Protein backbone atom coordinates (compact mmCIF):
# COMPACT_ATOMS: atom_id res chain seq x y z
CA MET A 1 3.21 2.81 10.55
CA ALA A 2 5.90 0.29 9.69
CA TYR A 3 5.50 -2.10 6.77
CA ARG A 4 7.60 -4.16 4.37
CA PHE A 5 7.86 -3.71 0.62
CA ALA A 6 10.14 -5.77 -1.61
CA GLY A 7 11.71 -7.29 1.50
CA ARG A 8 12.69 -3.92 2.97
CA GLN A 9 11.14 -2.24 5.99
CA LYS A 10 9.53 1.14 5.34
CA LEU A 11 7.94 3.69 7.66
CA ILE A 12 5.03 6.06 7.01
CA SER A 13 4.30 8.97 9.30
CA LEU A 14 0.57 9.64 9.18
CA CYS A 15 0.40 12.55 11.61
CA SER A 16 1.87 14.06 14.74
CA TYR A 17 0.48 13.24 18.17
CA PRO A 18 -0.86 16.48 19.57
CA SER A 19 -2.71 17.50 16.41
CA VAL A 20 -4.61 14.21 15.89
CA SER A 21 -6.71 12.15 18.27
CA LEU A 22 -6.05 8.46 18.79
CA ARG A 23 -9.27 7.58 16.97
CA GLU A 24 -8.28 9.68 13.94
CA ALA A 25 -4.79 8.19 13.92
CA ARG A 26 -6.24 4.67 13.92
CA GLU A 27 -8.60 5.57 11.07
CA LYS A 28 -5.71 6.99 9.04
CA ARG A 29 -3.72 3.81 9.70
CA GLU A 30 -6.59 1.64 8.45
CA ASP A 31 -6.99 3.80 5.34
CA ALA A 32 -3.26 3.54 4.64
CA LYS A 33 -3.35 -0.25 5.05
CA LYS A 34 -6.30 -0.54 2.65
CA THR A 35 -4.60 1.70 0.08
CA ALA A 36 -1.38 -0.30 0.33
CA GLU A 37 -3.28 -3.56 -0.11
CA ARG A 38 -5.13 -2.25 -3.20
CA THR A 39 -1.87 -1.01 -4.71
CA TYR A 40 -0.13 -4.33 -3.99
CA ARG A 41 -2.95 -6.35 -5.56
CA SER A 42 -3.08 -4.04 -8.59
CA GLN A 43 0.67 -4.35 -9.18
CA ARG A 44 0.56 -8.13 -8.82
CA SER A 45 -2.32 -8.49 -11.26
CA THR A 46 -0.60 -6.20 -13.78
CA ALA A 47 2.65 -8.16 -13.47
CA ALA A 48 0.79 -11.47 -13.83
CA GLY A 49 -0.91 -10.22 -17.00
CA GLN A 50 2.42 -9.20 -18.50
CA ARG A 51 3.98 -12.59 -17.70
CA SER A 52 1.10 -14.50 -19.26
CA GLY A 53 1.39 -12.62 -22.55
CA GLY A 54 -1.83 -10.71 -22.03
CA GLY A 55 -0.51 -7.63 -23.81
CA SER A 56 -1.12 -6.74 -27.42
CA GLY A 57 1.75 -7.45 -29.72
CA PRO A 58 2.56 -8.14 -33.36
């Protein structure tokens, strides 16, 4: 599965063809996309909180 992160193209190999059916490969792809989206949103919200001064300080 190809994707972009920080402007650079990346590639994830989820499985090899003979050992996984097409249906399983598609399910793994969808799971990977959902995980990447959750991670992206989490990182953005954390960065936004740091920029807005949401941390505890003196």
